[in-house]
Amino acid sequence: MSNAKPKSKSPSALDFKSATLYALRVVLRSHDDAELLAALSQRMNDAGAFFENEPVVIDANLITETIDWAALLQALRGHSLHPVGVVAQGANLDAALAQGLAAVDLGSPTPRPTAQPAPEQEVPVVAPPPATQGNDTKAEGAEQTTPPAGHVPEVAPAAMVINRPLRSGQRIYARNTDLIVIGVVSQGAEVIADGNIHVYGPLRGKAMAGARGDTSARIFTTQLDPELLAIAGVYRVIETKLDQTLHNQPTIIHLDDDTLKITALTK
C-alpha cells in the first residue's frame, strides 16, 4: 500500500474576471494637431483636476484625414490622462493600433424609458386598514382588477440609494439608473449616474448626471455649493461662489440647448 499523499492543487497564479471600466470618451472633431492640443489644454484647464488620472477612449469616427497619433497620445498623457482604446476607421485605426491602443466598440447605450404619468384608470386604489380585526368588508371603491392575459408590467430599475455622507476621494456611479444620496457630498467626492442625481444634503463635490448621454437627466440638491456640474458631457466648473440666490440653496440643474441651466427651487 502506497503512503504517497495526493498532490494538492495549488491556487492559480491568476484569474480572468469580468469588469466594467468607467472611461472618458474624447471625441475628436478636427485632425489638426495645433487645434487638438489647444482644445485639450483649454478643456483640462477648465476642468481643473476633475479628469486627472482617468482612462480615455479616443473617438475618431468623425475624422477622415490622418491624425498625428504620437503627438496626441503624448499630449493626453501630459495632462495625466491614460489612453486605453480607440474608435476609428481605415488608416487612422491602423495608426492608432500601431501606437499601442486597443480597438473598442462603444456601442449605443440602451435608452432609458421615458417616464409618463399613468392613466387615471390605472392608478391603484389603496384600501384603508379594516376598523376591527376579522372585518372582511372591502373598502368602498377598492376594486381588484385582473390584468389582461399576457400583460407584463414594465418595471423601472430601482434607483441607487446612498444613505451616508461621501468623503473626499470617494466616487459613486449609478449605472443605468438614478442616484439618490442622503447626506453631504464633500469636496473631492464624485457622484455619477446614467440617470438623474438627487442629493438630499450639501452638494460640495462633483456631480455628473446623464453620464451615458441622456440629455434629459437632471441634478437636484437641497444645498448647492459644487466644484463641478455636468449633464451628458456638458460641464461647468464652479471656480467662484455662485450668486446668492443659488449658493447653498435648493436647486435643479438641467440642459437647455447644450447649456447648463441652474434654477433655484423657490417656495
C-alpha atoms as a PDB file:
ATOM      1  CA  MET A   1       0.000   0.000   0.000  1.00  0.00           C
ATOM      2  CA  SER A   2       1.476   3.318  -1.029  1.00  0.00           C
ATOM      3  CA  ASN A   3       1.829   6.094   1.560  1.00  0.00           C
ATOM      4  CA  ALA A   4       2.184   8.758  -1.095  1.00  0.00           C
ATOM      5  CA  LYS A   5      -0.168  11.679  -0.472  1.00  0.00           C
ATOM      6  CA  PRO A   6      -2.163  13.103  -3.356  1.00  0.00           C
ATOM      7  CA  LYS A   7      -0.611  16.200  -4.765  1.00  0.00           C
ATOM      8  CA  SER A   8      -2.543  19.223  -3.535  1.00  0.00           C
ATOM      9  CA  LYS A   9      -3.840  21.526  -6.187  1.00  0.00           C
ATOM     10  CA  SER A  10      -2.134  24.886  -5.868  1.00  0.00           C
ATOM     11  CA  PRO A  11      -4.179  28.031  -6.382  1.00  0.00           C
ATOM     12  CA  SER A  12      -3.946  29.598  -9.814  1.00  0.00           C
ATOM     13  CA  ALA A  13      -1.475  32.430 -10.140  1.00  0.00           C
ATOM     14  CA  LEU A  14      -4.111  34.464 -11.961  1.00  0.00           C
ATOM     15  CA  ASP A  15      -7.793  34.523 -12.828  1.00  0.00           C
ATOM     16  CA  PHE A  16      -9.871  36.194 -15.534  1.00  0.00           C
ATOM     17  CA  LYS A  17     -12.950  38.007 -14.273  1.00  0.00           C
ATOM     18  CA  SER A  18     -15.332  40.394 -15.965  1.00  0.00           C
ATOM     19  CA  ALA A  19     -15.131  44.060 -15.081  1.00  0.00           C
ATOM     20  CA  THR A  20     -16.825  47.285 -16.096  1.00  0.00           C
ATOM     21  CA  LEU A  21     -14.439  50.153 -16.797  1.00  0.00           C
ATOM     22  CA  TYR A  22     -15.570  53.749 -16.494  1.00  0.00           C
ATOM     23  CA  ALA A  23     -13.621  55.771 -19.059  1.00  0.00           C
ATOM     24  CA  LEU A  24     -13.756  59.216 -20.590  1.00  0.00           C
ATOM     25  CA  ARG A  25     -14.666  59.404 -24.260  1.00  0.00           C
ATOM     26  CA  VAL A  26     -12.645  62.036 -26.103  1.00  0.00           C
ATOM     27  CA  VAL A  27     -14.453  62.855 -29.349  1.00  0.00           C
ATOM     28  CA  LEU A  28     -12.164  64.354 -31.997  1.00  0.00           C
ATOM     29  CA  ARG A  29     -13.692  66.963 -34.301  1.00  0.00           C
ATOM     30  CA  SER A  30     -10.509  68.008 -36.125  1.00  0.00           C
ATOM     31  CA  HIS A  31      -7.325  66.338 -37.371  1.00  0.00           C
ATOM     32  CA  ASP A  32      -5.210  69.473 -36.996  1.00  0.00           C
ATOM     33  CA  ASP A  33      -2.545  68.980 -34.302  1.00  0.00           C
ATOM     34  CA  ALA A  34      -2.492  72.594 -33.152  1.00  0.00           C
ATOM     35  CA  GLU A  35      -6.286  72.763 -32.836  1.00  0.00           C
ATOM     36  CA  LEU A  36      -6.467  69.464 -30.944  1.00  0.00           C
ATOM     37  CA  LEU A  37      -3.702  70.319 -28.482  1.00  0.00           C
ATOM     38  CA  ALA A  38      -5.082  73.813 -27.853  1.00  0.00           C
ATOM     39  CA  ALA A  39      -8.588  72.451 -27.272  1.00  0.00           C
ATOM     40  CA  LEU A  40      -7.225  69.769 -24.943  1.00  0.00           C
ATOM     41  CA  SER A  41      -5.317  72.313 -22.874  1.00  0.00           C
ATOM     42  CA  GLN A  42      -8.374  74.561 -22.643  1.00  0.00           C
ATOM     43  CA  ARG A  43     -10.654  71.690 -21.564  1.00  0.00           C
ATOM     44  CA  MET A  44      -8.242  70.469 -18.911  1.00  0.00           C
ATOM     45  CA  ASN A  45      -7.687  73.979 -17.570  1.00  0.00           C
ATOM     46  CA  ASP A  46     -11.443  74.493 -17.340  1.00  0.00           C
ATOM     47  CA  ALA A  47     -11.980  71.172 -15.567  1.00  0.00           C
ATOM     48  CA  GLY A  48      -9.173  71.585 -13.053  1.00  0.00           C
ATOM     49  CA  ALA A  49      -8.221  68.200 -11.624  1.00  0.00           C
ATOM     50  CA  PHE A  50     -11.590  66.576 -12.352  1.00  0.00           C
ATOM     51  CA  PHE A  51     -10.371  64.408 -15.247  1.00  0.00           C
ATOM     52  CA  GLU A  52      -6.865  63.701 -13.982  1.00  0.00           C
ATOM     53  CA  ASN A  53      -5.735  60.053 -13.996  1.00  0.00           C
ATOM     54  CA  GLU A  54      -8.824  58.891 -15.874  1.00  0.00           C
ATOM     55  CA  PRO A  55      -8.670  56.198 -18.580  1.00  0.00           C
ATOM     56  CA  VAL A  56      -9.563  57.566 -22.008  1.00  0.00           C
ATOM     57  CA  VAL A  57     -11.114  56.130 -25.176  1.00  0.00           C
ATOM     58  CA  ILE A  58     -10.438  58.275 -28.235  1.00  0.00           C
ATOM     59  CA  ASP A  59     -13.339  58.523 -30.696  1.00  0.00           C
ATOM     60  CA  ALA A  60     -12.032  59.470 -34.153  1.00  0.00           C
ATOM     61  CA  ASN A  61     -15.025  58.230 -36.160  1.00  0.00           C
ATOM     62  CA  LEU A  62     -15.723  61.731 -37.470  1.00  0.00           C
ATOM     63  CA  ILE A  63     -12.190  62.188 -38.837  1.00  0.00           C
ATOM     64  CA  THR A  64     -11.162  61.037 -42.312  1.00  0.00           C
ATOM     65  CA  GLU A  65      -7.819  62.890 -42.502  1.00  0.00           C
ATOM     66  CA  THR A  66      -4.674  61.423 -40.943  1.00  0.00           C
ATOM     67  CA  ILE A  67      -4.109  62.202 -37.267  1.00  0.00           C
ATOM     68  CA  ASP A  68      -0.699  62.542 -35.620  1.00  0.00           C
ATOM     69  CA  TRP A  69      -1.405  59.869 -33.006  1.00  0.00           C
ATOM     70  CA  ALA A  70       2.000  60.039 -31.351  1.00  0.00           C
ATOM     71  CA  ALA A  71       1.605  63.769 -30.628  1.00  0.00           C
ATOM     72  CA  LEU A  72      -1.987  63.364 -29.440  1.00  0.00           C
ATOM     73  CA  LEU A  73      -1.174  60.499 -27.071  1.00  0.00           C
ATOM     74  CA  GLN A  74       1.805  62.373 -25.678  1.00  0.00           C
ATOM     75  CA  ALA A  75      -0.397  65.422 -25.018  1.00  0.00           C
ATOM     76  CA  LEU A  76      -3.079  63.339 -23.301  1.00  0.00           C
ATOM     77  CA  ARG A  77      -0.529  61.679 -21.037  1.00  0.00           C
ATOM     78  CA  GLY A  78       0.992  65.079 -20.330  1.00  0.00           C
ATOM     79  CA  HIS A  79      -2.369  66.050 -18.833  1.00  0.00           C
ATOM     80  CA  SER A  80      -2.431  62.914 -16.635  1.00  0.00           C
ATOM     81  CA  LEU A  81      -4.910  61.127 -18.901  1.00  0.00           C
ATOM     82  CA  HIS A  82      -4.382  57.477 -19.806  1.00  0.00           C
ATOM     83  CA  PRO A  83      -5.412  56.460 -23.372  1.00  0.00           C
ATOM     84  CA  VAL A  84      -6.505  52.815 -23.419  1.00  0.00           C
ATOM     85  CA  GLY A  85      -8.619  52.428 -26.551  1.00  0.00           C
ATOM     86  CA  VAL A  86      -9.716  53.926 -29.840  1.00  0.00           C
ATOM     87  CA  VAL A  87     -12.744  54.054 -32.095  1.00  0.00           C
ATOM     88  CA  ALA A  88     -11.669  54.864 -35.641  1.00  0.00           C
ATOM     89  CA  GLN A  89     -11.709  53.640 -39.224  1.00  0.00           C
ATOM     90  CA  GLY A  90      -9.257  52.948 -42.008  1.00  0.00           C
ATOM     91  CA  ALA A  91      -5.771  54.434 -41.817  1.00  0.00           C
ATOM     92  CA  ASN A  92      -6.474  56.204 -38.519  1.00  0.00           C
ATOM     93  CA  LEU A  93      -7.430  52.929 -36.877  1.00  0.00           C
ATOM     94  CA  ASP A  94      -4.279  51.236 -38.177  1.00  0.00           C
ATOM     95  CA  ALA A  95      -2.106  54.115 -36.958  1.00  0.00           C
ATOM     96  CA  ALA A  96      -3.726  54.122 -33.529  1.00  0.00           C
ATOM     97  CA  LEU A  97      -3.264  50.364 -33.159  1.00  0.00           C
ATOM     98  CA  ALA A  98       0.395  50.795 -34.101  1.00  0.00           C
ATOM     99  CA  GLN A  99       0.708  53.219 -31.166  1.00  0.00           C
ATOM    100  CA  GLY A 100      -0.461  50.518 -28.761  1.00  0.00           C
ATOM    101  CA  LEU A 101      -4.139  51.432 -28.427  1.00  0.00           C
ATOM    102  CA  ALA A 102      -6.819  48.748 -28.467  1.00  0.00           C
ATOM    103  CA  ALA A 103      -9.801  48.912 -30.815  1.00  0.00           C
ATOM    104  CA  VAL A 104     -13.008  49.116 -28.781  1.00  0.00           C
ATOM    105  CA  ASP A 105     -16.691  49.057 -29.632  1.00  0.00           C
ATOM    106  CA  LEU A 106     -18.512  51.688 -27.617  1.00  0.00           C
ATOM    107  CA  GLY A 107     -21.883  50.632 -28.972  1.00  0.00           C
ATOM    108  CA  SER A 108     -25.011  52.563 -28.131  1.00  0.00           C
ATOM    109  CA  PRO A 109     -26.346  52.584 -24.583  1.00  0.00           C
ATOM    110  CA  THR A 110     -29.871  51.301 -24.139  1.00  0.00           C
ATOM    111  CA  PRO A 111     -32.044  54.412 -23.881  1.00  0.00           C
ATOM    112  CA  ARG A 112     -33.741  54.814 -20.552  1.00  0.00           C
ATOM    113  CA  PRO A 113     -37.539  54.634 -20.898  1.00  0.00           C
ATOM    114  CA  THR A 114     -39.266  57.978 -20.625  1.00  0.00           C
ATOM    115  CA  ALA A 115     -41.406  58.150 -17.519  1.00  0.00           C
ATOM    116  CA  GLN A 116     -45.040  59.097 -18.123  1.00  0.00           C
ATOM    117  CA  PRO A 117     -47.870  59.543 -15.603  1.00  0.00           C
ATOM    118  CA  ALA A 118     -50.134  56.502 -15.517  1.00  0.00           C
ATOM    119  CA  PRO A 119     -53.659  56.946 -16.921  1.00  0.00           C
ATOM    120  CA  GLU A 120     -56.274  57.757 -14.315  1.00  0.00           C
ATOM    121  CA  GLN A 121     -57.983  54.388 -14.693  1.00  0.00           C
ATOM    122  CA  GLU A 122     -54.723  52.555 -13.951  1.00  0.00           C
ATOM    123  CA  VAL A 123     -53.973  54.287 -10.666  1.00  0.00           C
ATOM    124  CA  PRO A 124     -54.309  51.647  -7.927  1.00  0.00           C
ATOM    125  CA  VAL A 125     -56.703  52.287  -5.074  1.00  0.00           C
ATOM    126  CA  VAL A 126     -55.166  51.749  -1.652  1.00  0.00           C
ATOM    127  CA  ALA A 127     -57.734  50.495   0.834  1.00  0.00           C
ATOM    128  CA  PRO A 128     -57.565  51.686   4.454  1.00  0.00           C
ATOM    129  CA  PRO A 129     -56.967  49.030   7.119  1.00  0.00           C
ATOM    130  CA  PRO A 130     -60.097  47.335   8.499  1.00  0.00           C
ATOM    131  CA  ALA A 131     -61.621  49.024  11.517  1.00  0.00           C
ATOM    132  CA  THR A 132     -61.799  45.804  13.545  1.00  0.00           C
ATOM    133  CA  GLN A 133     -59.906  42.543  13.461  1.00  0.00           C
ATOM    134  CA  GLY A 134     -61.570  39.971  11.291  1.00  0.00           C
ATOM    135  CA  ASN A 135     -63.546  42.529   9.293  1.00  0.00           C
ATOM    136  CA  ASP A 136     -63.550  41.165   5.738  1.00  0.00           C
ATOM    137  CA  THR A 137     -65.505  44.065   4.251  1.00  0.00           C
ATOM    138  CA  LYS A 138     -63.658  45.730   1.363  1.00  0.00           C
ATOM    139  CA  ALA A 139     -63.261  49.468   1.390  1.00  0.00           C
ATOM    140  CA  GLU A 140     -65.606  51.274  -0.918  1.00  0.00           C
ATOM    141  CA  GLY A 141     -64.041  51.779  -4.328  1.00  0.00           C
ATOM    142  CA  ALA A 142     -61.192  49.346  -3.665  1.00  0.00           C
ATOM    143  CA  GLU A 143     -61.980  47.008  -6.515  1.00  0.00           C
ATOM    144  CA  GLN A 144     -59.466  44.413  -7.552  1.00  0.00           C
ATOM    145  CA  THR A 145     -58.868  44.221 -11.240  1.00  0.00           C
ATOM    146  CA  THR A 146     -57.368  41.354 -13.164  1.00  0.00           C
ATOM    147  CA  PRO A 147     -54.618  42.376 -15.581  1.00  0.00           C
ATOM    148  CA  PRO A 148     -55.061  41.314 -19.185  1.00  0.00           C
ATOM    149  CA  ALA A 149     -53.692  37.896 -20.066  1.00  0.00           C
ATOM    150  CA  GLY A 150     -50.076  38.012 -21.122  1.00  0.00           C
ATOM    151  CA  HIS A 151     -49.633  41.547 -19.803  1.00  0.00           C
ATOM    152  CA  VAL A 152     -46.297  42.012 -18.037  1.00  0.00           C
ATOM    153  CA  PRO A 153     -45.917  45.428 -16.395  1.00  0.00           C
ATOM    154  CA  GLU A 154     -42.667  47.205 -17.152  1.00  0.00           C
ATOM    155  CA  VAL A 155     -40.647  47.676 -14.004  1.00  0.00           C
ATOM    156  CA  ALA A 156     -38.229  50.585 -13.926  1.00  0.00           C
ATOM    157  CA  PRO A 157     -34.768  49.903 -12.491  1.00  0.00           C
ATOM    158  CA  ALA A 158     -34.540  50.804  -8.835  1.00  0.00           C
ATOM    159  CA  ALA A 159     -32.574  53.931  -8.048  1.00  0.00           C
ATOM    160  CA  MET A 160     -29.307  53.523  -6.181  1.00  0.00           C
ATOM    161  CA  VAL A 161     -29.679  54.979  -2.686  1.00  0.00           C
ATOM    162  CA  ILE A 162     -26.596  56.017  -0.686  1.00  0.00           C
ATOM    163  CA  ASN A 163     -27.612  56.689   2.904  1.00  0.00           C
ATOM    164  CA  ARG A 164     -24.358  58.138   4.177  1.00  0.00           C
ATOM    165  CA  PRO A 165     -22.087  61.143   3.624  1.00  0.00           C
ATOM    166  CA  LEU A 166     -19.437  60.890   0.902  1.00  0.00           C
ATOM    167  CA  ARG A 167     -15.910  61.972   1.808  1.00  0.00           C
ATOM    168  CA  SER A 168     -13.215  63.434  -0.434  1.00  0.00           C
ATOM    169  CA  GLY A 169     -11.850  60.846  -2.842  1.00  0.00           C
ATOM    170  CA  GLN A 170     -14.988  58.693  -2.851  1.00  0.00           C
ATOM    171  CA  ARG A 171     -16.801  58.059  -6.148  1.00  0.00           C
ATOM    172  CA  ILE A 172     -20.268  56.570  -6.640  1.00  0.00           C
ATOM    173  CA  TYR A 173     -21.587  55.536 -10.080  1.00  0.00           C
ATOM    174  CA  ALA A 174     -25.225  54.534 -10.622  1.00  0.00           C
ATOM    175  CA  ARG A 175     -25.238  52.580 -13.879  1.00  0.00           C
ATOM    176  CA  ASN A 176     -28.452  52.689 -15.964  1.00  0.00           C
ATOM    177  CA  THR A 177     -30.435  54.304 -13.169  1.00  0.00           C
ATOM    178  CA  ASP A 178     -30.816  57.320 -10.883  1.00  0.00           C
ATOM    179  CA  LEU A 179     -28.659  58.078  -7.860  1.00  0.00           C
ATOM    180  CA  ILE A 180     -30.026  59.312  -4.539  1.00  0.00           C
ATOM    181  CA  VAL A 181     -27.596  60.500  -1.870  1.00  0.00           C
ATOM    182  CA  ILE A 182     -28.910  61.199   1.617  1.00  0.00           C
ATOM    183  CA  GLY A 183     -26.112  63.202   3.169  1.00  0.00           C
ATOM    184  CA  VAL A 184     -23.338  65.557   2.220  1.00  0.00           C
ATOM    185  CA  VAL A 185     -21.241  65.124  -0.935  1.00  0.00           C
ATOM    186  CA  SER A 186     -17.968  66.608   0.301  1.00  0.00           C
ATOM    187  CA  GLN A 187     -15.392  68.497  -1.736  1.00  0.00           C
ATOM    188  CA  GLY A 188     -13.341  65.991  -3.708  1.00  0.00           C
ATOM    189  CA  ALA A 189     -16.161  63.420  -3.797  1.00  0.00           C
ATOM    190  CA  GLU A 190     -17.835  62.474  -7.094  1.00  0.00           C
ATOM    191  CA  VAL A 191     -21.377  61.295  -7.806  1.00  0.00           C
ATOM    192  CA  ILE A 192     -22.120  59.948 -11.293  1.00  0.00           C
ATOM    193  CA  ALA A 193     -25.331  58.490 -12.724  1.00  0.00           C
ATOM    194  CA  ASP A 194     -26.667  57.478 -16.113  1.00  0.00           C
ATOM    195  CA  GLY A 195     -29.958  58.998 -14.966  1.00  0.00           C
ATOM    196  CA  ASN A 196     -30.797  61.782 -12.538  1.00  0.00           C
ATOM    197  CA  ILE A 197     -28.891  62.692  -9.375  1.00  0.00           C
ATOM    198  CA  HIS A 198     -30.662  63.670  -6.154  1.00  0.00           C
ATOM    199  CA  VAL A 199     -28.603  64.964  -3.230  1.00  0.00           C
ATOM    200  CA  TYR A 200     -30.539  65.499  -0.019  1.00  0.00           C
ATOM    201  CA  GLY A 201     -27.806  67.470   1.685  1.00  0.00           C
ATOM    202  CA  PRO A 202     -24.988  69.817   0.697  1.00  0.00           C
ATOM    203  CA  LEU A 203     -23.539  69.147  -2.770  1.00  0.00           C
ATOM    204  CA  ARG A 204     -19.950  70.355  -2.413  1.00  0.00           C
ATOM    205  CA  GLY A 205     -18.180  67.922  -4.724  1.00  0.00           C
ATOM    206  CA  LYS A 206     -18.687  66.959  -8.367  1.00  0.00           C
ATOM    207  CA  ALA A 207     -21.958  65.712  -9.880  1.00  0.00           C
ATOM    208  CA  MET A 208     -22.323  64.203 -13.362  1.00  0.00           C
ATOM    209  CA  ALA A 209     -25.811  63.129 -14.481  1.00  0.00           C
ATOM    210  CA  GLY A 210     -26.692  61.513 -17.814  1.00  0.00           C
ATOM    211  CA  ALA A 211     -23.197  60.031 -17.925  1.00  0.00           C
ATOM    212  CA  ARG A 212     -24.013  57.885 -20.984  1.00  0.00           C
ATOM    213  CA  GLY A 213     -25.526  60.735 -22.974  1.00  0.00           C
ATOM    214  CA  ASP A 214     -29.035  61.192 -21.533  1.00  0.00           C
ATOM    215  CA  THR A 215     -29.668  64.891 -22.161  1.00  0.00           C
ATOM    216  CA  SER A 216     -32.949  64.777 -20.214  1.00  0.00           C
ATOM    217  CA  ALA A 217     -31.170  63.898 -16.962  1.00  0.00           C
ATOM    218  CA  ARG A 218     -31.190  66.404 -14.129  1.00  0.00           C
ATOM    219  CA  ILE A 219     -29.398  67.172 -10.882  1.00  0.00           C
ATOM    220  CA  PHE A 220     -31.353  68.060  -7.758  1.00  0.00           C
ATOM    221  CA  THR A 221     -29.900  69.193  -4.452  1.00  0.00           C
ATOM    222  CA  THR A 222     -31.141  70.818  -1.281  1.00  0.00           C
ATOM    223  CA  GLN A 223     -27.923  72.826  -0.876  1.00  0.00           C
ATOM    224  CA  LEU A 224     -25.822  73.792  -3.904  1.00  0.00           C
ATOM    225  CA  ASP A 225     -22.114  74.553  -3.462  1.00  0.00           C
ATOM    226  CA  PRO A 226     -20.390  72.319  -6.075  1.00  0.00           C
ATOM    227  CA  GLU A 227     -16.948  72.046  -7.609  1.00  0.00           C
ATOM    228  CA  LEU A 228     -18.276  70.820 -10.958  1.00  0.00           C
ATOM    229  CA  LEU A 229     -21.644  70.076 -12.560  1.00  0.00           C
ATOM    230  CA  ALA A 230     -22.137  68.011 -15.721  1.00  0.00           C
ATOM    231  CA  ILE A 231     -25.030  66.580 -17.711  1.00  0.00           C
ATOM    232  CA  ALA A 232     -24.468  64.371 -20.767  1.00  0.00           C
ATOM    233  CA  GLY A 233     -20.886  65.591 -21.119  1.00  0.00           C
ATOM    234  CA  VAL A 234     -21.723  69.302 -20.892  1.00  0.00           C
ATOM    235  CA  TYR A 235     -19.970  70.537 -17.781  1.00  0.00           C
ATOM    236  CA  ARG A 236     -19.361  73.677 -15.788  1.00  0.00           C
ATOM    237  CA  VAL A 237     -16.546  74.171 -13.320  1.00  0.00           C
ATOM    238  CA  ILE A 238     -17.568  76.342 -10.360  1.00  0.00           C
ATOM    239  CA  GLU A 239     -14.474  78.408  -9.600  1.00  0.00           C
ATOM    240  CA  THR A 240     -16.150  81.350  -7.882  1.00  0.00           C
ATOM    241  CA  LYS A 241     -19.059  81.458  -5.468  1.00  0.00           C
ATOM    242  CA  LEU A 242     -22.433  81.256  -7.161  1.00  0.00           C
ATOM    243  CA  ASP A 243     -24.945  84.052  -6.990  1.00  0.00           C
ATOM    244  CA  GLN A 244     -26.519  84.344  -3.542  1.00  0.00           C
ATOM    245  CA  THR A 245     -29.873  83.277  -4.987  1.00  0.00           C
ATOM    246  CA  LEU A 246     -28.287  79.905  -5.867  1.00  0.00           C
ATOM    247  CA  HIS A 247     -25.423  79.394  -3.424  1.00  0.00           C
ATOM    248  CA  ASN A 248     -26.384  76.921  -0.674  1.00  0.00           C
ATOM    249  CA  GLN A 249     -29.968  76.959  -1.955  1.00  0.00           C
ATOM    250  CA  PRO A 250     -32.250  74.116  -3.123  1.00  0.00           C
ATOM    251  CA  THR A 251     -31.731  73.954  -6.895  1.00  0.00           C
ATOM    252  CA  ILE A 252     -32.275  71.947 -10.048  1.00  0.00           C
ATOM    253  CA  ILE A 253     -29.755  71.719 -12.896  1.00  0.00           C
ATOM    254  CA  HIS A 254     -30.787  70.746 -16.424  1.00  0.00           C
ATOM    255  CA  LEU A 255     -29.672  71.100 -20.044  1.00  0.00           C
ATOM    256  CA  ASP A 256     -31.136  73.697 -22.351  1.00  0.00           C
ATOM    257  CA  ASP A 257     -29.678  73.712 -25.890  1.00  0.00           C
ATOM    258  CA  ASP A 258     -26.310  72.328 -24.722  1.00  0.00           C
ATOM    259  CA  THR A 259     -26.137  74.879 -21.910  1.00  0.00           C
ATOM    260  CA  LEU A 260     -26.354  74.042 -18.222  1.00  0.00           C
ATOM    261  CA  LYS A 261     -29.148  75.913 -16.501  1.00  0.00           C
ATOM    262  CA  ILE A 262     -29.269  76.284 -12.701  1.00  0.00           C
ATOM    263  CA  THR A 263     -32.649  77.173 -11.245  1.00  0.00           C
ATOM    264  CA  ALA A 264     -33.464  77.839  -7.611  1.00  0.00           C
ATOM    265  CA  LEU A 265     -36.355  75.821  -6.179  1.00  0.00           C
ATOM    266  CA  THR A 266     -38.141  78.714  -4.544  1.00  0.00           C
ATOM    267  CA  LYS A 267     -41.007  78.213  -2.146  1.00  0.00           C
END
